[in-house]
Amino acid sequence: MLGSAEKGFAQSEVDILRYSRTDFGGTARTMGFAGANVALGGDASSMHSNPAGLGLFRRSEITVSAAINFNEVSSQVYGSEGMNSRNSLNIPSFTAVFATRKADEEEGDWRSGSFGVSFTRINNFNQNIFYQGTSPANGLKFAEYSAQRANFKNAGLTSTGNPISIQDLAFDTRLIRKDEGLIDFYGDRYKRGLYSPDYLYIYAQDDTSPIDSVVRYDSSLPFKESIASSGSQNQWDLSYGASFRDKIFLGASLGITSINYKQVRVYSESNEDLDVDLMDLTLKDNLTTEGTGISLKLGAIFIPSDVLRLGISIQTPTWYTLLDRYNTNLTVNYRTGTFADENSFYAFTDPGEYEYNLTTPFKASGGAAFFFGKNGFISADVEYVDYSNGQLNTDNADDEFSQAVNQTTKNLYQSAINYRLGAEGRFDIFRIRGGFGYYGDPIKEAYSSADQSKTFLTGGIGIKQTNYFIDAALVYSTYKSQYSPYSNLDPTSILITPVVTSKHTNTNFVTTFGWSF
């Protein structure tokens, strides 16, 4: 669980999961039966799932899709609930397939081949999260977290220039200050400053004992946070698929993925207790991530009979080069008379940039499709992905930070199995579709109290004519996530880290227009 206060200054295992856990996408036809098309072929979405499917094309085709997305997030912390929503319009898919096929009387084992180009949205980051609650007496507060960072995470504060860390911001806004009385005994250590009039929360540390004295103050505190995310993760596929005797189909695809992610977090605390000097604080964190990655996908489809199709697809890791741009500021207001000079303080970090490499896990998929003549089919896919194999790296071979993140990824994440099941019924020129998907929990049970698996319910309709087709699909998905605005860095402390549990529901309506020639 990642603290937003820390996020503005460091990449983490959260980035690895965000860009590794992607959804199925493509045309409205494919989304109508939950993306279960590894064994089907003959649809432009095959370029993203199994490029061998291009070998089943007999005619060239162009498709364009449009979508509207409705996202809602309900969050809970310390028994209090908050809710927010966001809607967005997007183009989830664009494809072009150029097919060539030998005439039936023409000799040769390789009967056809198709080259395709596709654009697929594989992640939609547009969502708003809001939560609010009241911290209990033994709940960790932001100022205490800042003191922990000063004492245990970093040995000191910057003495010159603008702030570069959370503890610098807290120090410059007088949330924490040097404990002058302990300097002779323990060196430059810090305590929580004027958070209450009695300076009750004190950290002291020496070389032999992690904490010499901790005195907890007894108070509750209202807090809230809004997290606005936007952007998307999109993939261009350059694919080729071929048919061998119309029984075995082979294909390959080169994927070029782009990431555009923006997040603005605003965390605040307020205090109506007149006996406490602190009135309120607001921490704002801005993050923008941009970059591209490359991957390779190989696939095969085998058709032993008119009734059955079998498919397999493997995708290499995606190797990304990403650039983060970030800045953070903190505003703290105290009650009149707390300080002789002023009562409001504002500190900010200089805008920062950080370039790094991210590698997502390898994926393997298998599928089977059963056909009922010309009346329709049932299709099922199984996908394996091990999220613990994601990695973050820099050009510095001695980068201890990246090594720590990768070790956390190994400890926190696990392998998951994703299932997709779909069906299509054909009635003359009309098509009716439905599907179900289940994506396994990427978080080990020991590190999360919520099941973070994702489920999908899908449905769709379509009209198929000789030279064109129109499809529409509705995809409803839901999953849970857990998050902490900051975490307890002191393993001996009795303070409780706030844990926000959110339920995400997403409704996506997609239409696709296609032309065959």
Protein backbone atom coordinates (compact mmCIF):
# COMPACT_ATOMS: atom_id res chain seq x y z
CA MET A 1 0.00 0.00 0.00
CA LEU A 2 1.51 3.26 -1.18
CA GLY A 3 1.37 6.64 0.51
CA SER A 4 0.43 9.48 -1.83
CA ALA A 5 2.71 11.81 0.10
CA GLU A 6 5.64 9.67 -0.90
CA LYS A 7 4.55 9.08 -4.48
CA GLY A 8 5.64 12.46 -5.77
CA PHE A 9 9.24 11.63 -5.01
CA ALA A 10 9.64 7.98 -5.94
CA GLN A 11 8.40 5.31 -8.30
CA SER A 12 7.11 2.12 -6.73
CA GLU A 13 5.58 -1.31 -7.17
CA VAL A 14 2.22 0.42 -7.72
CA ASP A 15 3.49 1.65 -11.11
CA ILE A 16 4.42 -1.90 -12.07
CA LEU A 17 0.93 -3.22 -11.33
CA ARG A 18 -0.86 -0.24 -12.90
CA TYR A 19 0.78 -0.81 -16.30
CA SER A 20 0.83 -4.62 -16.13
CA ARG A 21 -2.82 -5.29 -15.30
CA THR A 22 -4.59 -4.53 -18.56
CA ASP A 23 -8.14 -5.28 -19.75
CA PHE A 24 -9.37 -6.96 -22.91
CA GLY A 25 -10.23 -4.54 -25.69
CA GLY A 26 -10.90 -4.36 -29.40
CA THR A 27 -14.02 -4.27 -31.54
CA ALA A 28 -17.53 -4.22 -30.09
CA ARG A 29 -18.03 -7.75 -31.40
CA THR A 30 -15.13 -9.11 -29.35
CA MET A 31 -16.05 -7.09 -26.27
CA GLY A 32 -19.62 -8.39 -26.51
CA PHE A 33 -18.40 -11.92 -25.70
CA ALA A 34 -15.85 -10.77 -23.07
CA GLY A 35 -12.79 -10.86 -25.32
CA ALA A 36 -12.74 -14.66 -25.50
CA ASN A 37 -11.25 -14.87 -28.99
CA VAL A 38 -7.84 -16.59 -28.65
CA ALA A 39 -9.18 -19.57 -30.65
CA LEU A 40 -11.76 -17.81 -32.83
CA GLY A 41 -9.85 -15.77 -35.37
CA GLY A 42 -11.47 -13.88 -38.21
CA ASP A 43 -11.94 -10.71 -36.15
CA ALA A 44 -9.68 -7.68 -36.24
CA SER A 45 -9.23 -7.90 -32.45
CA SER A 46 -7.15 -11.02 -33.09
CA MET A 47 -4.17 -8.74 -33.66
CA HIS A 48 -4.17 -7.95 -29.97
CA SER A 49 -5.14 -11.37 -28.57
CA ASN A 50 -3.79 -13.92 -31.07
CA PRO A 51 -2.36 -12.72 -34.41
CA ALA A 52 -2.83 -16.19 -35.91
CA GLY A 53 -6.48 -15.21 -36.24
CA LEU A 54 -5.56 -13.01 -39.20
CA GLY A 55 -4.99 -16.17 -41.22
CA LEU A 56 -8.75 -16.84 -41.22
CA PHE A 57 -9.56 -13.61 -43.07
CA ARG A 58 -10.82 -14.09 -46.62
CA ARG A 59 -11.52 -10.42 -47.33
CA SER A 60 -9.90 -7.15 -46.31
CA GLU A 61 -11.57 -5.09 -43.61
CA ILE A 62 -11.50 -1.70 -41.85
CA THR A 63 -13.19 -0.98 -38.51
CA VAL A 64 -13.64 2.12 -36.36
CA SER A 65 -15.00 2.08 -32.82
CA ALA A 66 -16.30 4.71 -30.42
CA ALA A 67 -17.08 4.37 -26.72
CA ILE A 68 -18.50 6.18 -23.72
CA ASN A 69 -17.31 5.16 -20.27
CA PHE A 70 -19.07 5.60 -16.91
CA ASN A 71 -16.85 5.11 -13.86
CA GLU A 72 -17.90 5.21 -10.21
CA VAL A 73 -15.79 4.65 -7.09
CA SER A 74 -17.18 4.12 -3.59
CA SER A 75 -14.55 4.38 -0.83
CA GLN A 76 -14.57 3.63 2.87
CA VAL A 77 -12.12 4.45 5.68
CA TYR A 78 -12.66 4.15 9.46
CA GLY A 79 -16.33 3.38 8.82
CA SER A 80 -17.00 6.54 6.78
CA GLU A 81 -17.89 6.43 3.09
CA GLY A 82 -17.25 8.70 0.13
CA MET A 83 -18.17 8.46 -3.55
CA ASN A 84 -17.11 10.04 -6.81
CA SER A 85 -17.62 9.39 -10.52
CA ARG A 86 -16.24 10.31 -13.91
CA ASN A 87 -17.44 9.88 -17.50
CA SER A 88 -15.36 9.98 -20.66
CA LEU A 89 -15.59 9.57 -24.43
CA ASN A 90 -12.86 7.71 -26.30
CA ILE A 91 -11.89 5.72 -29.39
CA PRO A 92 -11.09 2.24 -28.06
CA SER A 93 -10.20 0.59 -31.36
CA PHE A 94 -9.21 1.20 -34.96
CA THR A 95 -8.15 -1.60 -37.31
CA ALA A 96 -7.21 -2.28 -40.92
CA VAL A 97 -6.69 -5.77 -42.33
CA PHE A 98 -5.41 -6.45 -45.85
CA ALA A 99 -6.01 -10.05 -46.89
CA THR A 100 -4.79 -12.08 -49.88
CA ARG A 101 -6.00 -15.59 -50.70
CA LYS A 102 -5.30 -18.15 -53.38
CA ALA A 103 -8.14 -19.32 -55.55
CA ASP A 104 -9.57 -22.74 -54.66
CA GLU A 105 -8.14 -24.30 -57.84
CA GLU A 106 -4.67 -22.82 -57.20
CA GLU A 107 -2.11 -25.21 -55.73
CA GLY A 108 -0.06 -24.61 -52.56
CA ASP A 109 -0.19 -25.45 -48.87
CA TRP A 110 -0.17 -21.83 -47.72
CA ARG A 111 -3.65 -20.74 -48.69
CA SER A 112 -3.90 -17.16 -47.43
CA GLY A 113 -2.16 -14.40 -45.52
CA SER A 114 -3.21 -11.10 -43.96
CA PHE A 115 -1.35 -8.06 -42.77
CA GLY A 116 -3.04 -5.90 -40.17
CA VAL A 117 -2.62 -2.69 -38.22
CA SER A 118 -4.65 -2.10 -35.08
CA PHE A 119 -5.01 0.46 -32.33
CA THR A 120 -6.43 -0.83 -29.03
CA ARG A 121 -7.04 0.89 -25.73
CA ILE A 122 -5.94 -1.60 -23.07
CA ASN A 123 -6.23 0.63 -19.99
CA ASN A 124 -8.48 3.55 -19.14
CA PHE A 125 -7.13 5.68 -16.28
CA ASN A 126 -10.03 8.16 -16.13
CA GLN A 127 -11.50 8.02 -12.64
CA ASN A 128 -12.09 10.19 -9.59
CA ILE A 129 -11.73 8.88 -6.04
CA PHE A 130 -12.89 10.68 -2.91
CA TYR A 131 -12.90 9.53 0.69
CA GLN A 132 -13.20 11.15 4.09
CA GLY A 133 -13.13 10.00 7.67
CA THR A 134 -12.08 10.78 11.22
CA SER A 135 -8.86 9.31 12.47
CA PRO A 136 -9.20 7.53 15.84
CA ALA A 137 -7.05 8.45 18.81
CA ASN A 138 -4.47 5.83 17.88
CA GLY A 139 -4.60 6.59 14.16
CA LEU A 140 -1.47 7.75 12.37
CA LYS A 141 -1.62 11.40 11.27
CA PHE A 142 0.31 13.13 8.51
CA ALA A 143 2.58 15.10 10.86
CA GLU A 144 3.52 11.92 12.70
CA TYR A 145 4.28 10.23 9.39
CA SER A 146 6.51 13.19 8.48
CA ALA A 147 8.38 12.82 11.75
CA GLN A 148 8.86 9.12 11.08
CA ARG A 149 10.34 9.91 7.67
CA ALA A 150 12.73 12.40 9.25
CA ASN A 151 13.80 9.98 11.97
CA PHE A 152 13.81 6.61 10.29
CA LYS A 153 13.60 6.89 6.51
CA ASN A 154 16.04 9.73 5.98
CA ALA A 155 18.73 10.72 8.45
CA GLY A 156 18.19 14.43 8.07
CA LEU A 157 16.63 17.36 6.28
CA THR A 158 18.06 19.49 3.52
CA SER A 159 19.76 22.52 5.00
CA THR A 160 19.79 24.73 1.91
CA GLY A 161 17.61 25.27 -1.15
CA ASN A 162 14.01 24.31 -1.74
CA PRO A 163 12.42 21.25 -0.10
CA ILE A 164 13.01 17.93 -1.84
CA SER A 165 11.13 15.52 0.44
CA ILE A 166 7.96 15.22 2.50
CA GLN A 167 9.88 15.75 5.72
CA ASP A 168 11.40 18.93 4.25
CA LEU A 169 7.93 20.26 3.51
CA ALA A 170 6.77 19.39 7.02
CA PHE A 171 9.83 21.05 8.54
CA ASP A 172 9.44 24.25 6.50
CA THR A 173 5.77 24.53 7.49
CA ARG A 174 6.65 23.88 11.18
CA LEU A 175 4.82 20.56 11.50
CA ILE A 176 8.02 18.98 12.78
CA ARG A 177 11.12 20.57 14.27
CA LYS A 178 14.47 19.62 15.71
CA ASP A 179 14.31 18.36 19.27
CA GLU A 180 17.03 20.59 20.65
CA GLY A 181 16.89 18.92 24.06
CA LEU A 182 17.95 15.56 22.64
CA ILE A 183 20.73 16.67 20.31
CA ASP A 184 23.47 16.18 22.91
CA PHE A 185 22.37 12.60 23.47
CA TYR A 186 21.15 11.34 20.12
CA GLY A 187 22.28 13.74 17.41
CA ASP A 188 19.95 15.60 15.09
CA ARG A 189 16.59 13.90 15.57
CA TYR A 190 13.13 15.28 15.10
CA LYS A 191 9.82 15.32 16.86
CA ARG A 192 6.30 16.23 15.85
CA GLY A 193 6.13 19.98 16.23
CA LEU A 194 3.21 22.24 17.02
CA TYR A 195 0.55 19.70 16.20
CA SER A 196 -0.84 20.06 19.72
CA PRO A 197 0.14 22.60 22.42
CA ASP A 198 1.93 19.99 24.54
CA TYR A 199 4.42 18.52 22.03
CA LEU A 200 3.25 15.09 23.08
CA TYR A 201 4.46 12.98 20.18
CA ILE A 202 8.25 12.65 20.46
CA TYR A 203 10.65 10.45 18.52
CA ALA A 204 14.17 9.85 19.77
CA GLN A 205 16.68 7.44 18.32
CA ASP A 206 20.22 6.35 19.02
CA ASP A 207 22.55 3.75 17.54
CA THR A 208 21.28 0.85 19.63
CA SER A 209 17.58 1.44 20.16
CA PRO A 210 15.11 2.21 17.34
CA ILE A 211 12.94 4.29 19.67
CA ASP A 212 13.90 5.52 23.12
CA SER A 213 10.68 7.32 23.94
CA VAL A 214 7.30 7.58 22.29
CA VAL A 215 4.45 9.47 23.92
CA ARG A 216 1.15 9.33 22.00
CA TYR A 217 -1.31 12.19 22.14
CA ASP A 218 -4.97 11.31 22.44
CA SER A 219 -7.10 13.05 19.80
CA SER A 220 -9.22 12.39 16.72
CA LEU A 221 -8.80 14.21 13.46
CA PRO A 222 -11.04 14.63 10.36
CA PHE A 223 -9.22 14.07 7.06
CA LYS A 224 -10.10 13.61 3.40
CA GLU A 225 -8.49 13.13 0.01
CA SER A 226 -9.48 13.45 -3.63
CA ILE A 227 -7.55 11.60 -6.35
CA ALA A 228 -8.23 12.58 -9.96
CA SER A 229 -6.65 10.31 -12.59
CA SER A 230 -6.77 10.64 -16.36
CA GLY A 231 -5.13 9.23 -19.45
CA SER A 232 -4.86 5.83 -21.10
CA GLN A 233 -2.60 2.98 -22.13
CA ASN A 234 -2.88 2.25 -25.86
CA GLN A 235 -1.26 -0.33 -28.09
CA TRP A 236 -0.51 -0.34 -31.81
CA ASP A 237 -0.08 -3.82 -33.28
CA LEU A 238 1.61 -4.58 -36.60
CA SER A 239 0.55 -8.15 -37.33
CA TYR A 240 0.70 -10.91 -39.91
CA GLY A 241 -1.19 -14.19 -39.97
CA ALA A 242 -1.14 -17.05 -42.47
CA SER A 243 -3.15 -20.19 -43.23
CA PHE A 244 -1.54 -23.60 -43.78
CA ARG A 245 -4.01 -25.88 -45.59
CA ASP A 246 -6.82 -24.01 -43.76
CA LYS A 247 -6.11 -26.21 -40.73
CA ILE A 248 -3.16 -24.57 -39.01
CA PHE A 249 -2.91 -20.79 -38.67
CA LEU A 250 0.23 -19.00 -37.50
CA GLY A 251 0.77 -15.35 -36.67
CA ALA A 252 3.06 -12.79 -35.12
CA SER A 253 2.54 -9.26 -33.90
CA LEU A 254 4.81 -6.40 -32.93
CA GLY A 255 3.20 -4.27 -30.23
CA ILE A 256 4.08 -0.63 -29.59
CA THR A 257 2.41 0.62 -26.41
CA SER A 258 2.09 4.22 -25.27
CA ILE A 259 1.32 5.43 -21.75
CA ASN A 260 -0.16 8.81 -20.88
CA TYR A 261 -1.06 9.02 -17.20
CA LYS A 262 -1.86 12.03 -15.04
CA GLN A 263 -2.82 12.12 -11.39
CA VAL A 264 -3.63 14.97 -9.01
CA ARG A 265 -4.03 14.16 -5.31
CA VAL A 266 -5.21 16.58 -2.68
CA TYR A 267 -5.00 15.38 0.93
CA SER A 268 -6.18 17.55 3.83
CA GLU A 269 -6.68 17.46 7.59
CA SER A 270 -8.69 19.90 9.68
CA ASN A 271 -9.16 20.42 13.40
CA GLU A 272 -12.03 22.24 15.11
CA ASP A 273 -10.59 21.74 18.61
CA LEU A 274 -9.68 25.23 19.83
CA ASP A 275 -7.13 23.77 22.24
CA VAL A 276 -5.04 22.48 19.35
CA ASP A 277 -2.85 24.96 17.51
CA LEU A 278 -3.09 23.34 14.09
CA MET A 279 -6.18 24.44 12.14
CA ASP A 280 -5.67 22.59 8.85
CA LEU A 281 -3.16 21.33 6.32
CA THR A 282 -3.40 20.55 2.60
CA LEU A 283 -0.93 18.45 0.63
CA LYS A 284 -1.16 18.53 -3.16
CA ASP A 285 0.74 16.12 -5.36
CA ASN A 286 0.91 16.30 -9.19
CA LEU A 287 2.27 13.44 -11.28
CA THR A 288 2.46 12.95 -15.06
CA THR A 289 3.89 9.80 -16.65
CA GLU A 290 4.59 9.42 -20.36
CA GLY A 291 6.45 6.79 -22.29
CA THR A 292 6.44 3.96 -24.82
CA GLY A 293 7.12 0.25 -24.76
CA ILE A 294 7.61 -2.61 -27.18
CA SER A 295 6.57 -6.27 -27.10
CA LEU A 296 6.20 -9.31 -29.36
CA LYS A 297 3.27 -11.72 -29.59
CA LEU A 298 3.21 -15.15 -31.27
CA GLY A 299 0.15 -17.32 -31.80
CA ALA A 300 -1.30 -20.39 -33.43
CA ILE A 301 -4.79 -21.76 -34.13
CA PHE A 302 -5.58 -25.37 -35.01
CA ILE A 303 -8.90 -26.42 -36.55
CA PRO A 304 -9.25 -30.22 -36.26
CA SER A 305 -12.91 -30.15 -37.37
CA ASP A 306 -15.70 -27.79 -38.31
CA VAL A 307 -16.92 -27.97 -34.72
CA LEU A 308 -13.73 -27.21 -32.77
CA ARG A 309 -10.97 -24.61 -32.85
CA LEU A 310 -7.98 -24.50 -30.48
CA GLY A 311 -5.69 -21.52 -29.98
CA ILE A 312 -2.58 -20.51 -28.10
CA SER A 313 -0.82 -17.16 -27.76
CA ILE A 314 2.25 -15.95 -25.87
CA GLN A 315 3.32 -12.37 -25.30
CA THR A 316 6.78 -11.29 -24.26
CA PRO A 317 7.20 -8.74 -21.48
CA THR A 318 6.64 -5.16 -22.57
CA TRP A 319 9.80 -3.10 -22.16
CA TYR A 320 8.95 0.52 -21.34
CA THR A 321 10.97 3.69 -21.08
CA LEU A 322 8.99 6.12 -18.92
CA LEU A 323 9.41 9.71 -17.79
CA ASP A 324 7.79 11.03 -14.61
CA ARG A 325 7.22 14.72 -14.00
CA TYR A 326 6.08 15.66 -10.51
CA ASN A 327 5.79 18.39 -7.92
CA THR A 328 4.31 18.64 -4.43
CA ASN A 329 3.27 21.49 -2.16
CA LEU A 330 2.07 21.73 1.42
CA THR A 331 -0.02 24.47 3.08
CA VAL A 332 -0.42 24.58 6.87
CA ASN A 333 -2.54 27.03 8.86
CA TYR A 334 -2.24 27.54 12.62
CA ARG A 335 -4.48 29.38 15.03
CA THR A 336 -3.80 33.02 15.77
CA GLY A 337 -1.07 33.43 18.34
CA THR A 338 0.61 30.09 17.74
CA PHE A 339 3.69 31.82 16.35
CA ALA A 340 4.88 35.37 16.82
CA ASP A 341 5.68 35.99 13.15
CA GLU A 342 2.87 34.35 11.08
CA ASN A 343 0.24 31.66 11.18
CA SER A 344 0.11 30.36 7.59
CA PHE A 345 2.95 28.53 5.86
CA TYR A 346 3.41 27.28 2.32
CA ALA A 347 6.26 25.13 0.98
CA PHE A 348 6.76 23.48 -2.40
CA THR A 349 9.21 21.30 -4.22
CA ASP A 350 10.82 22.29 -7.49
CA PRO A 351 9.31 20.44 -10.48
CA GLY A 352 11.19 17.19 -10.89
CA GLU A 353 11.80 14.69 -13.66
CA TYR A 354 12.82 11.04 -13.45
CA GLU A 355 13.42 8.63 -16.34
CA TYR A 356 13.36 4.90 -15.75
CA ASN A 357 12.62 1.55 -17.37
CA LEU A 358 9.70 -0.70 -16.51
CA THR A 359 9.21 -4.31 -17.59
CA THR A 360 5.78 -5.94 -17.38
CA PRO A 361 5.31 -9.72 -16.93
CA PHE A 362 5.18 -12.37 -19.63
CA LYS A 363 1.68 -13.58 -20.60
CA ALA A 364 0.44 -16.88 -22.00
CA SER A 365 -3.10 -17.61 -23.23
CA GLY A 366 -4.96 -20.65 -24.45
CA GLY A 367 -8.47 -20.99 -25.84
CA ALA A 368 -11.08 -23.24 -27.39
CA ALA A 369 -14.14 -22.45 -29.48
CA PHE A 370 -17.08 -24.77 -30.22
CA PHE A 371 -19.26 -24.04 -33.27
CA PHE A 372 -22.88 -25.01 -33.81
CA GLY A 373 -22.88 -24.92 -37.57
CA LYS A 374 -23.84 -21.47 -38.76
CA ASN A 375 -25.95 -20.83 -35.68
CA GLY A 376 -23.16 -19.52 -33.44
CA PHE A 377 -20.40 -20.58 -31.07
CA ILE A 378 -19.16 -20.75 -27.48
CA SER A 379 -15.60 -19.64 -26.79
CA ALA A 380 -13.39 -19.81 -23.68
CA ASP A 381 -9.93 -18.42 -22.85
CA VAL A 382 -7.48 -18.92 -20.00
CA GLU A 383 -4.62 -16.48 -19.46
CA TYR A 384 -1.64 -16.76 -17.11
CA VAL A 385 0.34 -13.77 -15.84
CA ASP A 386 2.76 -13.53 -12.91
CA TYR A 387 2.68 -9.96 -11.61
CA SER A 388 5.59 -10.61 -9.24
CA ASN A 389 7.90 -10.71 -12.28
CA GLY A 390 7.39 -7.03 -13.10
CA GLN A 391 10.53 -4.94 -12.70
CA LEU A 392 11.59 -1.33 -12.45
CA ASN A 393 15.13 -0.37 -13.46
CA THR A 394 17.34 2.64 -14.12
CA ASP A 395 20.62 3.07 -15.98
CA ASN A 396 22.43 3.06 -12.64
CA ALA A 397 23.52 -0.52 -11.92
CA ASP A 398 23.94 0.32 -8.22
CA ASP A 399 20.44 1.79 -7.86
CA GLU A 400 19.41 0.43 -4.47
CA PHE A 401 15.98 2.06 -4.77
CA SER A 402 15.00 0.02 -7.84
CA GLN A 403 16.32 -3.12 -6.19
CA ALA A 404 14.11 -2.44 -3.15
CA VAL A 405 11.04 -1.84 -5.34
CA ASN A 406 11.62 -5.06 -7.25
CA GLN A 407 11.97 -7.01 -4.03
CA THR A 408 8.73 -5.49 -2.74
CA THR A 409 7.08 -6.52 -6.02
CA LYS A 410 8.25 -10.11 -5.47
CA ASN A 411 6.92 -10.11 -1.92
CA LEU A 412 3.60 -8.34 -2.56
CA TYR A 413 2.34 -9.67 -5.90
CA GLN A 414 1.54 -13.15 -7.15
CA SER A 415 0.61 -15.03 -10.31
CA ALA A 416 -3.01 -14.89 -11.45
CA ILE A 417 -5.25 -16.78 -13.84
CA ASN A 418 -7.67 -14.80 -16.00
CA TYR A 419 -10.77 -16.49 -17.47
CA ARG A 420 -12.98 -15.31 -20.31
CA LEU A 421 -16.13 -17.06 -21.54
CA GLY A 422 -18.34 -15.85 -24.36
CA ALA A 423 -20.98 -16.88 -26.87
CA GLU A 424 -22.55 -15.60 -30.06
CA GLY A 425 -25.91 -16.56 -31.57
CA ARG A 426 -26.60 -15.94 -35.26
CA PHE A 427 -30.11 -15.28 -36.60
CA ASP A 428 -29.96 -14.46 -40.29
CA ILE A 429 -28.17 -11.06 -40.41
CA PHE A 430 -28.52 -10.46 -36.66
CA ARG A 431 -26.06 -11.35 -33.90
CA ILE A 432 -26.60 -11.63 -30.13
CA ARG A 433 -23.62 -11.96 -27.77
CA GLY A 434 -22.86 -12.39 -24.10
CA GLY A 435 -19.86 -13.09 -21.93
CA PHE A 436 -18.24 -13.31 -18.52
CA GLY A 437 -14.68 -12.59 -17.41
CA TYR A 438 -12.79 -13.14 -14.19
CA TYR A 439 -9.30 -11.70 -13.63
CA GLY A 440 -7.48 -13.14 -10.61
CA ASP A 441 -6.27 -11.15 -7.59
CA PRO A 442 -2.68 -9.91 -8.17
CA ILE A 443 -2.09 -9.21 -4.44
CA LYS A 444 -1.07 -11.92 -2.01
CA GLU A 445 -3.70 -12.54 0.64
CA ALA A 446 -1.28 -11.71 3.47
CA TYR A 447 -0.95 -8.12 2.22
CA SER A 448 -4.58 -7.24 1.55
CA SER A 449 -7.82 -7.69 3.47
CA ALA A 450 -9.88 -7.26 0.28
CA ASP A 451 -10.26 -9.60 -2.68
CA GLN A 452 -8.92 -7.52 -5.58
CA SER A 453 -9.99 -9.81 -8.40
CA LYS A 454 -11.94 -8.24 -11.25
CA THR A 455 -15.16 -9.48 -12.85
CA PHE A 456 -16.73 -8.59 -16.20
CA LEU A 457 -20.28 -9.04 -17.49
CA THR A 458 -20.75 -8.30 -21.19
CA GLY A 459 -23.46 -8.30 -23.82
CA GLY A 460 -23.81 -7.18 -27.39
CA ILE A 461 -25.79 -7.13 -30.62
CA GLY A 462 -24.82 -6.80 -34.26
CA ILE A 463 -25.92 -6.69 -37.86
CA LYS A 464 -23.81 -8.45 -40.51
CA GLN A 465 -24.18 -7.63 -44.20
CA THR A 466 -22.04 -8.60 -47.17
CA ASN A 467 -19.93 -5.46 -47.29
CA TYR A 468 -20.44 -3.90 -43.88
CA PHE A 469 -21.38 -4.65 -40.28
CA ILE A 470 -22.44 -2.72 -37.19
CA ASP A 471 -21.89 -3.97 -33.64
CA ALA A 472 -22.62 -2.64 -30.17
CA ALA A 473 -21.49 -3.95 -26.78
CA LEU A 474 -21.96 -3.16 -23.11
CA VAL A 475 -19.18 -4.12 -20.66
CA TYR A 476 -19.77 -3.90 -16.91
CA SER A 477 -16.79 -4.51 -14.63
CA THR A 478 -16.20 -4.28 -10.92
CA TYR A 479 -13.28 -4.79 -8.54
CA LYS A 480 -11.92 -3.63 -5.18
CA SER A 481 -8.67 -1.89 -4.29
CA GLN A 482 -6.92 -0.81 -1.11
CA TYR A 483 -4.79 2.27 -0.57
CA SER A 484 -3.18 4.25 2.24
CA PRO A 485 -2.42 7.98 2.05
CA TYR A 486 0.69 7.25 4.15
CA SER A 487 1.98 4.28 6.08
CA ASN A 488 3.51 3.60 9.47
CA LEU A 489 7.28 3.40 9.03
CA ASP A 490 7.92 2.41 12.66
CA PRO A 491 7.42 -1.33 13.23
CA THR A 492 7.25 -0.85 17.01
CA SER A 493 4.59 1.86 16.93
CA ILE A 494 1.03 1.15 18.04
CA LEU A 495 -0.36 3.76 15.65
CA ILE A 496 -2.80 2.51 13.01
CA THR A 497 -2.23 3.23 9.32
CA PRO A 498 -5.42 4.44 7.59
CA VAL A 499 -6.54 1.93 4.94
CA VAL A 500 -9.01 3.05 2.28
CA THR A 501 -11.03 0.26 0.64
CA SER A 502 -12.63 1.24 -2.67
CA LYS A 503 -15.14 -0.51 -4.90
CA HIS A 504 -14.74 0.40 -8.57
CA THR A 505 -17.59 -0.07 -11.02
CA ASN A 506 -17.16 0.69 -14.70
CA THR A 507 -19.73 0.63 -17.50
CA ASN A 508 -18.43 0.87 -21.05
CA PHE A 509 -20.67 1.20 -24.12
CA VAL A 510 -18.88 0.51 -27.43
CA THR A 511 -20.02 0.65 -31.05
CA THR A 512 -18.04 -0.52 -34.08
CA PHE A 513 -18.59 0.18 -37.76
CA GLY A 514 -16.83 -2.12 -40.22
CA TRP A 515 -16.36 -2.31 -43.99
CA SER A 516 -15.28 -5.42 -45.91
CA PHE A 517 -13.77 -5.29 -49.40
